[in-house]
Protein backbone atom coordinates (compact mmCIF):
# COMPACT_ATOMS: atom_id res chain seq x y z
CA MET A 1 96.45 93.43 96.53
CA LYS A 2 98.28 96.70 97.11
CA CYS A 3 97.05 99.92 95.53
CA ILE A 4 99.02 103.07 94.68
CA ALA A 5 97.24 106.25 93.60
CA ILE A 6 99.21 109.00 91.85
CA GLY A 7 97.69 112.45 91.86
CA ASN A 8 97.92 116.17 92.38
CA LYS A 9 95.35 118.92 91.88
CA LYS A 10 97.48 120.38 89.10
CA GLY A 11 98.24 118.85 85.70
CA GLY A 12 101.64 118.53 84.06
CA VAL A 13 103.46 117.14 87.09
CA GLY A 14 104.43 113.79 85.56
CA LYS A 15 101.68 111.56 86.99
CA SER A 16 101.34 109.37 83.90
CA THR A 17 105.10 109.05 83.45
CA LEU A 18 105.41 107.80 87.00
CA ALA A 19 102.41 105.48 86.71
CA VAL A 20 103.73 103.73 83.61
CA ASN A 21 107.37 103.48 84.66
CA LEU A 22 106.67 102.45 88.25
CA GLY A 23 104.19 99.87 87.00
CA CYS A 24 106.68 98.43 84.53
CA GLU A 25 109.50 98.39 87.08
CA LEU A 26 107.30 96.52 89.56
CA ALA A 27 106.35 94.10 86.80
CA ALA A 28 110.05 93.60 86.02
CA ARG A 29 110.46 92.66 89.68
CA GLY A 30 107.91 89.90 89.29
CA ARG A 31 104.75 91.70 90.40
CA ASP A 32 101.43 91.39 88.58
CA VAL A 33 100.42 95.00 87.80
CA THR A 34 97.30 96.69 86.46
CA LEU A 35 97.24 100.41 85.65
CA PHE A 36 93.93 102.26 86.03
CA ASP A 37 93.66 105.34 83.80
CA THR A 38 90.99 107.57 85.36
CA ASP A 39 91.91 110.74 83.46
CA GLU A 40 89.72 111.58 80.48
CA GLN A 41 92.86 112.80 78.71
CA GLY A 42 93.87 109.14 78.56
CA THR A 43 97.67 109.47 78.55
CA VAL A 44 98.26 106.09 80.21
CA THR A 45 95.82 104.44 77.82
CA ASP A 46 97.56 105.98 74.79
CA TRP A 47 100.94 104.96 76.17
CA CYS A 48 99.92 101.35 76.78
CA THR A 49 98.24 100.90 73.40
CA ARG A 50 101.35 102.09 71.52
CA GLY A 51 103.46 99.08 72.49
CA GLU A 52 103.62 95.92 74.56
CA LEU A 53 104.29 96.95 78.13
CA PRO A 54 104.55 94.26 80.85
CA VAL A 55 101.39 95.52 82.58
CA ARG A 56 97.66 95.39 82.07
CA PHE A 57 95.56 98.55 81.99
CA ARG A 58 91.96 99.61 82.47
CA THR A 59 90.41 102.88 81.28
CA ILE A 60 87.75 104.29 83.63
CA PRO A 61 87.47 108.10 83.44
CA ILE A 62 86.10 109.50 86.69
CA GLU A 63 83.93 112.52 85.98
CA ASN A 64 81.29 112.38 88.74
CA ALA A 65 80.11 110.45 91.79
CA GLU A 66 78.51 107.72 89.69
CA THR A 67 81.65 106.87 87.72
CA ALA A 68 83.60 107.04 90.98
CA LYS A 69 81.44 104.23 92.40
CA VAL A 70 82.08 102.11 89.32
CA PHE A 71 85.80 102.74 89.64
CA ILE A 72 85.91 101.74 93.32
CA GLN A 73 84.21 98.44 92.59
CA GLU A 74 86.51 97.74 89.63
CA VAL A 75 89.58 98.25 91.82
CA LYS A 76 88.18 96.02 94.57
CA ASP A 77 87.47 93.29 92.01
CA CYS A 78 90.91 93.52 90.39
CA GLN A 79 92.95 90.33 90.79
CA SER A 80 96.39 91.89 90.27
CA GLY A 81 98.90 92.03 93.09
CA ILE A 82 99.56 95.72 92.42
CA VAL A 83 97.11 98.36 91.19
CA ILE A 84 98.40 101.79 90.15
CA ILE A 85 95.88 104.59 89.60
CA ASP A 86 96.66 107.61 87.42
CA LEU A 87 94.32 110.33 88.70
CA PRO A 88 93.07 113.35 86.75
CA PRO A 89 93.79 116.89 87.97
CA HIS A 90 91.02 119.14 89.28
CA THR A 91 88.59 116.25 89.97
CA ARG A 92 87.74 115.93 93.65
CA GLU A 93 85.53 112.87 93.08
CA ALA A 94 88.43 110.92 91.59
CA THR A 95 90.81 111.71 94.43
CA GLU A 96 88.21 110.96 97.08
CA ALA A 97 87.43 107.63 95.40
CA ALA A 98 91.12 106.73 95.28
CA MET A 99 91.44 107.48 99.00
CA MET A 100 88.87 104.78 99.69
CA VAL A 101 90.93 102.02 98.08
CA CYS A 102 94.61 102.95 97.96
CA ASP A 103 97.38 102.01 100.36
CA LEU A 104 99.70 104.79 99.18
CA PHE A 105 98.93 108.22 97.78
CA LEU A 106 101.89 109.41 95.76
CA ILE A 107 101.94 113.15 95.04
CA PRO A 108 104.33 114.32 92.28
CA VAL A 109 105.41 117.95 92.66
CA THR A 110 107.41 120.05 90.24
CA ALA A 111 109.57 122.99 91.26
CA SER A 112 107.00 125.75 90.85
CA GLY A 113 104.96 127.92 93.15
CA ALA A 114 101.70 126.82 91.52
CA ASP A 115 102.52 123.19 92.27
CA PHE A 116 103.12 123.95 95.91
CA ILE A 117 99.66 125.53 96.20
CA SER A 118 97.97 122.56 94.53
CA THR A 119 99.99 120.14 96.66
CA ARG A 120 98.58 121.64 99.84
CA LYS A 121 95.08 120.94 98.48
CA ALA A 122 96.01 117.35 97.61
CA ILE A 123 97.36 116.82 101.12
CA ASP A 124 94.11 118.17 102.55
CA LEU A 125 92.22 115.46 100.63
CA LEU A 126 94.69 112.87 101.91
CA ASP A 127 94.05 114.03 105.47
CA GLU A 128 90.29 113.75 104.93
CA GLY A 129 90.69 110.21 103.60
CA ARG A 130 92.83 109.18 106.56
CA LYS A 131 90.12 110.23 109.00
CA LEU A 132 87.77 107.72 107.37
CA ARG A 133 90.28 104.85 107.23
CA ASP A 134 92.16 104.95 110.53
CA GLY A 135 95.24 106.71 109.21
CA ARG A 136 95.49 105.15 105.77
CA PRO A 137 96.59 105.64 103.04
CA HIS A 138 100.26 106.46 103.44
CA GLY A 139 101.41 109.63 101.68
CA LEU A 140 104.62 110.25 99.75
CA LEU A 141 105.70 113.47 98.02
CA VAL A 142 107.86 112.97 94.92
CA PRO A 143 109.97 115.77 93.44
CA SER A 144 109.06 115.37 89.78
CA ARG A 145 110.44 116.70 86.49
CA VAL A 146 113.28 118.22 88.50
CA ASP A 147 115.84 120.39 86.75
CA ARG A 148 118.88 120.54 89.02
CA ARG A 149 120.29 123.46 87.03
CA THR A 150 117.73 125.80 88.58
CA SER A 151 117.92 127.09 92.14
CA PHE A 152 114.40 125.86 92.92
CA GLY A 153 115.25 122.47 91.42
CA LYS A 154 118.23 122.16 93.74
CA GLU A 155 116.15 123.06 96.78
CA ILE A 156 112.88 121.25 96.08
CA THR A 157 113.44 118.28 98.39
CA GLY A 158 114.08 120.52 101.37
CA ALA A 159 111.12 122.72 100.48
CA LEU A 160 108.77 119.72 100.28
CA GLU A 161 109.78 118.54 103.74
CA GLY A 162 107.86 121.52 105.08
CA PHE A 163 104.58 119.82 104.17
CA GLY A 164 105.07 117.22 106.90
CA LEU A 165 104.93 114.14 104.65
CA PRO A 166 107.80 111.81 103.69
CA VAL A 167 109.64 112.91 100.55
CA GLY A 168 110.74 110.27 98.05
CA PRO A 169 113.74 110.20 95.70
CA PRO A 170 113.48 112.82 92.91
CA VAL A 171 112.70 112.05 89.28
CA GLY A 172 114.36 114.40 86.82
CA GLN A 173 113.09 116.18 83.73
CA ARG A 174 114.50 113.85 81.08
CA SER A 175 113.74 113.59 77.36
CA ILE A 176 113.85 109.79 77.44
CA HIS A 177 110.44 109.75 79.10
CA VAL A 178 108.97 111.66 76.15
CA ASP A 179 110.68 109.24 73.76
CA CYS A 180 109.29 106.25 75.66
CA PHE A 181 105.73 107.54 75.30
CA GLY A 182 106.19 107.76 71.52
CA LEU A 183 107.60 104.24 71.43
CA GLY A 184 104.99 102.76 73.74
CA ASP A 185 107.84 101.58 75.95
CA TRP A 186 109.39 102.36 79.34
CA VAL A 187 112.75 103.65 80.47
CA GLY A 188 113.99 100.41 82.00
CA HIS A 189 113.67 98.68 78.64
CA VAL A 190 114.84 101.51 76.39
CA GLU A 191 117.76 102.82 78.50
CA PRO A 192 118.47 100.34 81.34
CA LYS A 193 121.83 101.96 82.20
CA SER A 194 120.54 105.53 82.31
CA ILE A 195 120.19 107.92 85.23
CA ALA A 196 116.50 108.14 84.36
CA TYR A 197 116.07 104.43 85.04
CA GLU A 198 118.13 104.64 88.22
CA GLU A 199 115.71 107.30 89.48
CA ILE A 200 112.73 105.03 88.78
CA ARG A 201 114.44 102.12 90.56
CA ASN A 202 115.21 104.29 93.59
CA LEU A 203 111.62 105.49 93.81
CA THR A 204 110.30 101.94 93.43
CA ASP A 205 112.58 100.78 96.24
CA ARG A 206 111.11 103.45 98.51
CA ILE A 207 107.55 102.52 97.57
CA GLU A 208 108.17 98.84 98.28
CA GLU A 209 109.53 99.79 101.71
CA ILE A 210 106.30 101.64 102.47
CA LEU A 211 103.99 98.93 101.16
């Protein structure tokens, strides 16, 4: 089993969008995928219950150390080939728990100064987790909700390289992702010839290389 955690200390960076679409793309490639929704907001849970996505999901909000222990055991007991964890913002217990079980920590970052501050904090937690697990998990920064029309959007990949972690292919700010949530579907099924889907495929390719 391979485990991918998606998180940042700030909300609104596209964590749930990436979790659902990456999970569905991996499923389309023949992988058995379970999504873990650990955010009390429950976006992944709402998304999955709206339609018939090709993934399973579990809802385990992590609010304290006790629920974190339950979550860790649930992940370890999961029989899927791929587990993807959508982490809540601002919850240290959830991120620390994910560091104990994941093979890859994926950090979405939007083109804003606030995101860059929160990203540094997320990387600090990654570094702490690596000290306990002999250098694992891997880390990958993902430019997320990118608007190439803005100067910061054009420069975000280069700016992220300054954090010292690998930077993955960008995922743009596209209305189809909002539409897919309402439909309970994913971009590869709704618009398989779109740039939005191409971005998800490119990011999935990079993740498979790492794993």
